[in-house]
Protein backbone atom coordinates (compact mmCIF):
# COMPACT_ATOMS: atom_id res chain seq x y z
CA MET A 1 -0.15 -0.18 -0.18
CA ASN A 2 1.03 3.65 -0.61
CA LYS A 3 2.94 5.02 2.66
CA ASN A 4 1.26 8.35 2.12
CA LEU A 5 -1.86 6.39 1.94
CA MET A 6 -1.41 4.26 5.08
CA ILE A 7 -0.48 7.58 6.87
CA ALA A 8 -3.70 9.41 5.96
CA LEU A 9 -6.08 6.00 6.96
CA LEU A 10 -3.99 6.31 10.32
CA GLY A 11 -4.57 9.86 11.17
CA ILE A 12 -8.28 9.15 10.38
CA VAL A 13 -8.45 6.25 12.63
CA VAL A 14 -6.66 8.17 15.38
CA ALA A 15 -9.14 11.14 15.01
CA VAL A 16 -12.31 9.08 15.19
CA SER A 17 -10.94 7.42 18.55
CA ALA A 18 -10.58 10.83 19.72
CA ALA A 19 -13.89 11.20 18.94
CA GLY A 20 -15.57 8.40 20.58
CA LEU A 21 -13.50 8.76 23.67
CA TYR A 22 -14.67 12.63 24.01
CA MET A 23 -18.39 11.38 23.41
CA VAL A 24 -17.50 8.58 26.36
CA PHE A 25 -16.15 10.55 28.78
CA SER A 26 -17.36 14.34 28.33
CA ASP A 27 -20.23 15.40 30.80
CA PRO A 28 -23.61 13.60 29.79
CA VAL A 29 -25.59 16.96 30.92
CA ALA A 30 -23.64 19.10 29.08
CA GLN A 31 -24.30 16.92 26.02
CA LYS A 32 -28.06 17.10 26.86
CA THR A 33 -27.99 20.67 27.25
CA GLU A 34 -26.22 21.21 23.87
CA GLU A 35 -28.83 18.93 22.13
CA ASN A 36 -31.65 21.15 23.77
CA PRO A 37 -30.74 24.30 24.81
CA THR A 38 -34.30 25.16 26.30
CA ARG A 39 -33.92 22.38 28.78
CA VAL A 40 -33.05 23.18 32.11
CA VAL A 41 -30.87 20.70 34.09
CA SER A 42 -31.02 20.52 37.57
CA ARG A 43 -27.94 19.94 39.85
CA GLY A 44 -29.58 19.41 43.00
CA LYS A 45 -32.21 21.25 45.12
CA PRO A 46 -31.99 25.00 44.39
CA SER A 47 -30.41 27.10 47.63
CA SER A 48 -32.93 28.78 49.63
CA LYS A 49 -32.86 32.03 50.49
CA LYS A 50 -30.82 33.43 53.74
CA VAL A 51 -32.49 32.62 57.16
CA PRO A 52 -32.09 35.26 59.65
CA ALA A 53 -30.08 34.55 62.50
CA LYS A 54 -32.48 34.60 64.90
CA VAL A 55 -34.93 32.95 62.93
CA ALA A 56 -32.62 30.34 62.80
CA ALA A 57 -31.56 29.88 66.54
CA ARG A 58 -35.04 29.66 67.23
CA ARG A 59 -35.82 26.87 64.96
CA ALA A 60 -32.76 24.93 66.32
CA ARG A 61 -34.50 25.62 70.18
CA ALA A 62 -37.63 24.56 68.93
CA GLN A 63 -36.42 21.47 67.17
CA LYS A 64 -34.56 20.73 70.75
CA ILE A 65 -37.93 21.41 72.61
CA ASN A 66 -39.83 19.07 70.08
CA GLN A 67 -37.29 16.33 70.76
CA SER A 68 -38.47 16.49 74.60
CA LEU A 69 -41.58 16.46 74.27
CA GLY A 70 -43.92 13.58 75.50
CA ALA A 71 -41.76 13.08 78.47
CA ASP A 72 -43.21 11.11 81.36
CA LYS A 73 -44.94 12.91 84.14
CA PRO A 74 -42.62 13.87 87.19
CA ASP A 75 -43.09 11.54 89.85
CA MET A 76 -43.50 13.30 93.38
CA GLY A 77 -41.99 10.36 95.34
CA LEU A 78 -39.18 11.07 97.71
CA THR A 79 -36.57 8.93 99.50
CA LEU A 80 -37.50 7.39 102.58
CA ASP A 81 -34.97 9.57 104.68
CA GLU A 82 -36.74 12.63 102.99
CA GLU A 83 -40.06 11.65 103.47
CA ALA A 84 -39.01 10.62 107.24
CA ASN A 85 -38.79 14.23 107.88
CA LEU A 86 -41.58 15.69 106.55
CA SER A 87 -44.46 16.73 108.32
CA ASP A 88 -48.03 15.43 107.49
CA GLU A 89 -49.23 18.40 105.85
CA MET A 90 -45.78 18.38 103.23
CA LYS A 91 -46.75 14.57 102.94
CA GLN A 92 -50.35 15.68 101.90
CA ILE A 93 -49.45 18.43 99.38
CA LEU A 94 -47.03 15.95 97.46
CA ALA A 95 -50.00 13.16 97.34
CA GLU A 96 -52.22 15.78 95.96
CA LEU A 97 -49.89 16.96 93.65
CA GLN A 98 -49.15 13.43 92.20
CA ASP A 99 -52.47 12.76 91.85
CA ALA A 100 -53.14 16.41 90.18
CA LEU A 101 -50.33 15.35 87.46
CA ASP A 102 -52.19 11.69 87.31
CA ASP A 103 -55.20 13.59 86.46
CA ASN A 104 -53.59 16.28 84.15
CA ASP A 105 -55.26 18.70 86.70
CA ALA A 106 -53.04 22.39 86.13
CA GLN A 107 -55.94 24.38 87.75
CA LYS A 108 -55.22 21.80 90.96
CA VAL A 109 -51.32 22.40 90.70
CA SER A 110 -51.70 25.96 90.72
CA LYS A 111 -53.81 25.81 93.82
CA LEU A 112 -51.16 23.67 95.57
CA ALA A 113 -48.32 25.95 94.52
CA GLU A 114 -50.01 28.75 96.15
CA ARG A 115 -50.68 26.80 98.98
CA ILE A 116 -46.92 26.22 99.16
CA LEU A 117 -46.22 30.10 98.79
CA VAL A 118 -48.71 31.07 101.52
CA THR A 119 -47.05 28.60 104.03
CA GLN A 120 -43.75 30.49 103.33
CA ARG A 121 -44.94 33.81 103.66
CA LYS A 122 -46.63 32.85 106.88
CA LYS A 123 -44.14 30.62 108.35
CA GLY A 124 -40.71 31.23 106.56
CA GLN A 125 -39.22 29.68 103.49
CA ASP A 126 -37.65 26.76 105.38
CA ALA A 127 -41.18 25.97 106.59
CA VAL A 128 -41.46 23.90 103.37
CA PRO A 129 -38.24 22.08 103.00
CA PRO A 130 -36.41 22.51 99.76
CA TYR A 131 -37.00 18.88 98.14
CA VAL A 132 -40.66 19.77 98.42
CA ARG A 133 -40.35 23.01 96.41
CA GLU A 134 -38.30 21.39 93.77
CA LYS A 135 -41.27 18.85 93.56
CA ALA A 136 -43.44 21.95 92.86
CA VAL A 137 -41.51 23.47 90.41
CA GLU A 138 -41.55 20.00 88.41
CA ALA A 139 -45.24 19.76 88.43
CA ILE A 140 -45.57 23.54 87.30
CA GLY A 141 -43.14 22.89 84.53
CA PHE A 142 -45.08 20.10 83.42
CA PHE A 143 -48.08 22.34 82.36
CA LEU A 144 -45.98 25.35 81.03
CA PRO A 145 -46.13 27.77 79.39
CA GLY A 146 -50.02 28.24 80.70
CA SER A 147 -48.54 27.59 84.37
CA LEU A 148 -45.88 30.20 84.01
CA ALA A 149 -47.57 32.80 86.70
CA ASP A 150 -47.05 30.17 89.07
CA LEU A 151 -43.40 29.53 88.23
CA VAL A 152 -43.44 33.17 89.13
CA GLY A 153 -43.81 32.68 92.80
CA PHE A 154 -40.32 30.48 92.99
CA MET A 155 -38.22 33.22 91.15
CA ALA A 156 -36.79 34.08 94.55
CA ASP A 157 -36.18 30.81 96.15
CA SER A 158 -33.46 30.77 98.49
CA ASP A 159 -31.81 27.43 97.38
CA PRO A 160 -29.71 27.18 94.86
CA ASP A 161 -30.79 24.04 93.39
CA VAL A 162 -34.57 25.09 93.55
CA LEU A 163 -33.90 28.20 91.77
CA GLN A 164 -31.70 27.12 88.84
CA ASP A 165 -34.91 24.30 88.31
CA VAL A 166 -37.21 27.34 88.14
CA MET A 167 -35.02 29.28 85.69
CA ASP A 168 -34.57 26.11 83.73
CA LYS A 169 -38.42 25.84 83.55
CA PHE A 170 -38.86 29.81 82.92
CA SER A 171 -36.34 29.29 79.84
CA GLU A 172 -38.35 25.92 78.53
CA ALA A 173 -41.54 27.81 78.81
CA ILE A 174 -40.54 31.12 76.79
CA ASP A 175 -38.92 29.11 74.30
CA ASP A 176 -42.09 26.77 73.25
CA PRO A 177 -42.15 26.58 69.53
CA ASP A 178 -45.74 26.82 69.34
CA LEU A 179 -45.71 29.90 71.16
CA GLY A 180 -45.90 32.97 68.75
CA ASP A 181 -44.76 35.97 69.38
CA ARG A 182 -47.59 38.00 70.33
CA GLU A 183 -48.12 35.42 73.08
CA LEU A 184 -44.83 35.53 74.17
CA SER A 185 -45.20 39.14 74.44
CA SER A 186 -48.02 39.15 76.75
CA ILE A 187 -46.31 36.39 78.67
CA LEU A 188 -43.08 38.60 79.54
CA THR A 189 -44.83 42.00 79.67
CA SER A 190 -46.79 40.21 82.71
CA VAL A 191 -43.81 38.64 84.10
CA SER A 192 -41.27 41.71 83.76
CA LYS A 193 -43.27 43.30 86.46
CA VAL A 194 -42.00 40.44 89.10
CA LEU A 195 -38.77 39.44 87.81
CA ASN A 196 -35.68 40.40 89.86
CA ASN A 197 -33.78 37.29 89.17
CA GLU A 198 -30.82 38.15 87.00
CA ASP A 199 -30.99 34.68 84.87
CA ALA A 200 -34.34 35.20 84.26
CA VAL A 201 -34.15 38.98 83.51
CA GLU A 202 -31.58 37.51 80.85
CA ALA A 203 -33.60 34.86 79.25
CA LEU A 204 -36.57 37.44 79.12
CA PHE A 205 -34.89 39.87 76.90
CA PHE A 206 -33.22 36.69 74.78
CA ALA A 207 -36.85 35.24 74.11
CA ILE A 208 -37.69 39.32 72.80
CA GLU A 209 -34.10 39.50 70.72
CA SER A 210 -34.32 36.18 69.23
CA ASP A 211 -38.16 35.14 69.25
CA MET A 212 -40.09 38.26 67.85
CA ARG A 213 -40.53 39.99 64.61
CA ASN A 214 -39.96 43.95 64.64
CA SER A 215 -43.30 45.20 65.59
CA VAL A 216 -43.82 42.87 68.26
CA ALA A 217 -40.52 43.25 69.82
CA VAL A 218 -40.66 47.13 69.81
CA GLN A 219 -43.97 46.95 71.68
CA THR A 220 -42.61 44.58 73.99
CA TYR A 221 -39.66 46.64 74.61
CA LEU A 222 -41.89 49.72 75.30
CA ASP A 223 -44.07 47.96 77.74
CA VAL A 224 -41.54 46.19 79.72
CA TRP A 225 -39.64 49.93 79.60
CA GLU A 226 -42.44 51.49 81.42
CA ASN A 227 -43.67 48.63 83.83
CA GLY A 228 -40.95 46.34 84.25
CA SER A 229 -39.31 45.79 87.63
CA LYS A 230 -36.24 47.99 88.25
CA GLU A 231 -33.62 45.05 87.48
CA VAL A 232 -35.92 44.61 83.92
CA GLN A 233 -35.65 48.26 83.11
CA ALA A 234 -31.96 48.54 84.10
CA LYS A 235 -31.43 46.33 81.21
CA VAL A 236 -33.82 47.42 78.64
CA LEU A 237 -31.39 49.71 76.78
CA GLU A 238 -28.69 47.01 76.48
CA SER A 239 -30.95 44.35 74.76
CA ILE A 240 -32.42 47.31 72.55
CA ALA A 241 -28.85 47.99 71.06
CA ASP A 242 -28.37 44.07 70.85
CA PHE A 243 -31.56 43.64 68.79
CA THR A 244 -31.32 46.91 66.93
CA GLY A 245 -28.01 47.31 66.30
CA GLU A 246 -27.92 50.53 67.41
CA ASP A 247 -26.40 52.09 70.47
CA GLU A 248 -28.01 55.53 70.09
CA ILE A 249 -31.40 54.72 70.68
CA THR A 250 -31.96 55.98 74.30
CA THR A 251 -35.94 57.08 74.27
CA PRO A 252 -39.01 55.22 73.18
CA GLU A 253 -39.65 57.85 70.60
CA GLN A 254 -36.11 57.00 69.05
CA LEU A 255 -37.15 53.13 69.19
CA LYS A 256 -40.68 53.92 67.11
CA LYS A 257 -38.79 55.80 64.53
CA TRP A 258 -36.31 52.93 64.37
CA LEU A 259 -39.30 50.30 63.59
CA GLU A 260 -40.39 52.85 60.91
CA GLU A 261 -37.31 52.32 58.90
CA ASN A 262 -37.11 48.62 59.88
CA PRO A 263 -40.67 46.98 59.23
CA ASP A 264 -41.36 43.22 59.66
CA ASP A 265 -40.38 41.07 56.70
CA GLU A 266 -43.27 39.94 54.94
CA ASP A 267 -42.02 36.32 55.24
CA ASP A 268 -41.96 36.38 59.30
CA GLU A 269 -45.62 35.91 59.65
CA SER A 270 -45.83 32.47 59.35
CA PHE A 271 -42.99 31.56 61.46
CA TYR A 272 -43.58 34.14 64.10
CA ALA A 273 -47.30 33.37 64.75
CA GLY A 274 -46.03 30.15 66.50
CA ALA A 275 -45.68 27.63 63.63
CA SER A 276 -43.23 24.70 65.13
CA ALA A 277 -39.87 24.55 63.17
CA ASP A 278 -41.00 21.54 60.77
CA ASP A 279 -43.88 23.57 59.45
CA VAL A 280 -41.87 26.23 58.33
CA ASP A 281 -39.82 26.18 55.05
CA ASP A 282 -35.97 26.34 54.91
């Protein structure tokens, strides 16, 4: 065969082979797109819009609380040593607390909590042993957030363990994922009048900063600014600065002006109305 002809044929074979390899190893998505330019090729779920930090924070806490829901009712039982030192009145209170829990009777728990507080006011705080107060807080906590008013009465407890339980329950109550920001605002406004515990005050302002749309947060600040305890009022400006990012806001008028310039996001309603994290699109 003519040498030049053989070289030409070899060149054709190489070219065809290279084209075949290109078709095999090239991006199949790109090929399909080339064949049909109008087709949109999906490379995965489109990224969603950025979630505000305060919304993301509440979703995380909501998921954590949702995981803890359905827990068993607290047990009002005591150790033998603890029970041996109780008066008949205290034993009766614990027994009635257990009955109220068994019957899902939040109103009865509220009455028993008030009975404990009245006893302490009349006879001194130690008239009710700390472990009985702890059990009362557990029972109150089972019916939160509706029983929040009963919990407030224990926020001045002198026992650090009881007080820690109270603060934990308070934080849990105001983090309830099914609690809308307007409901939360009403609770915090009422509670702010009697709060004097530093941890509780911090929890109150954290809830405003992270769990409310702008309009509700501003109204809550205005309410607690005017009617809150001195401990709450002392922290208002600091929390407002954290919420707004503005250190210069020092009067209610300035706060209202800030709201005019920073109205609610149109997408806030479904989440801050009290929807759980699972009900809100990412």
